[in-house]
Protein backbone atom coordinates (compact mmCIF):
# COMPACT_ATOMS: atom_id res chain seq x y z
CA UNK A 1 22.63 -23.02 2.91
CA UNK A 2 20.29 -20.38 3.87
CA UNK A 3 17.16 -22.19 5.69
CA UNK A 4 14.46 -22.42 8.10
CA UNK A 5 14.73 -23.31 11.30
CA UNK A 6 12.79 -26.40 12.09
CA UNK A 7 11.89 -25.51 15.93
CA UNK A 8 8.43 -24.55 15.62
CA UNK A 9 7.53 -24.54 11.86
CA UNK A 10 5.48 -23.37 9.59
CA UNK A 11 2.88 -25.35 6.89
CA UNK A 12 0.47 -24.92 4.57
CA UNK A 13 1.34 -22.02 2.43
CA UNK A 14 2.77 -19.51 5.73
CA UNK A 15 5.64 -22.88 5.38
CA UNK A 16 5.66 -21.60 1.57
CA UNK A 17 5.97 -18.09 1.58
CA UNK A 18 8.61 -18.42 3.94
CA UNK A 19 10.96 -20.73 1.70
CA UNK A 20 10.92 -17.57 -0.95
CA UNK A 21 13.04 -15.60 1.64
CA UNK A 22 15.55 -18.49 1.99
CA UNK A 23 17.08 -18.12 -1.76
CA UNK A 24 17.65 -14.17 -0.76
CA UNK A 25 20.42 -15.92 1.81
CA UNK A 26 18.20 -15.46 4.68
CA UNK A 27 17.74 -18.70 7.48
CA UNK A 28 14.40 -18.14 8.59
CA UNK A 29 12.98 -18.47 12.79
CA UNK A 30 9.80 -19.28 13.41
CA UNK A 31 8.80 -19.00 17.00
CA UNK A 32 4.77 -19.08 18.60
CA UNK A 33 4.97 -17.36 21.68
CA UNK A 34 1.72 -18.91 23.80
CA UNK A 35 -0.23 -16.36 26.65
CA UNK A 36 2.03 -14.94 29.79
CA UNK A 37 1.32 -17.03 33.22
CA UNK A 38 -0.76 -14.76 34.63
CA UNK A 39 -2.72 -14.71 31.44
CA UNK A 40 -1.93 -11.11 30.91
CA UNK A 41 -0.29 -10.97 27.43
CA UNK A 42 -2.05 -12.90 25.14
CA UNK A 43 -0.41 -15.34 22.36
CA UNK A 44 1.91 -14.16 19.47
CA UNK A 45 3.88 -15.10 16.39
CA UNK A 46 7.31 -13.59 15.78
CA UNK A 47 9.15 -14.43 12.81
CA UNK A 48 12.96 -13.44 12.17
CA UNK A 49 15.30 -13.95 8.70
CA UNK A 50 19.26 -13.33 10.26
CA UNK A 51 21.55 -12.42 6.43
CA UNK A 52 24.15 -15.72 6.49
CA UNK A 53 26.35 -14.01 5.42
CA UNK A 54 25.56 -10.79 7.74
CA UNK A 55 26.27 -8.08 5.44
CA UNK A 56 22.24 -7.43 5.48
CA UNK A 57 19.95 -6.19 9.18
CA UNK A 58 18.29 -8.54 10.77
CA UNK A 59 14.54 -8.28 10.10
CA UNK A 60 11.98 -9.11 12.56
CA UNK A 61 7.85 -9.57 12.57
CA UNK A 62 5.80 -10.18 15.41
CA UNK A 63 1.68 -10.74 15.42
CA UNK A 64 0.63 -10.06 18.91
CA UNK A 65 -3.27 -10.92 18.31
CA UNK A 66 -3.08 -14.84 18.61
CA UNK A 67 -0.43 -17.91 17.25
CA UNK A 68 -3.19 -19.60 15.00
CA UNK A 69 -2.57 -20.14 11.16
CA UNK A 70 -3.70 -16.79 10.48
CA UNK A 71 -1.55 -15.15 12.30
CA UNK A 72 0.85 -16.67 11.25
CA UNK A 73 0.85 -15.96 7.74
CA UNK A 74 -0.07 -12.19 8.34
CA UNK A 75 3.52 -12.78 9.95
CA UNK A 76 5.01 -14.54 7.27
CA UNK A 77 3.46 -11.53 4.58
CA UNK A 78 5.52 -8.87 6.83
CA UNK A 79 8.62 -10.65 7.35
CA UNK A 80 9.15 -11.46 3.41
CA UNK A 81 7.88 -7.56 3.00
CA UNK A 82 10.39 -6.95 4.38
CA UNK A 83 13.25 -9.08 2.58
CA UNK A 84 12.12 -7.12 0.29
CA UNK A 85 8.95 -9.53 -1.65
CA UNK A 86 6.04 -8.13 -2.78
CA UNK A 87 2.69 -9.99 -1.35
CA UNK A 88 0.05 -9.59 -2.62
CA UNK A 89 -2.76 -8.91 -0.11
CA UNK A 90 -5.40 -11.08 -0.04
């Protein structure tokens, strides 16, 4: 069964949105990437959806403007759209 990886999980509405992806046969992962050691690259959020059967190409979404809750939600919306879920704007 597809699942959300427990590593650096999302919460609230973001987690709810990611849970809509897993019944489509994907394993979903969330990675929050901190700033670079020199501070030249800011934090970001990256999410992926990998088809557990391997028939579909993995989907990746990334938001490079921070790693907070808002950025995580936007990233989850991008990922959901990439696997065919209609996400309302707003």
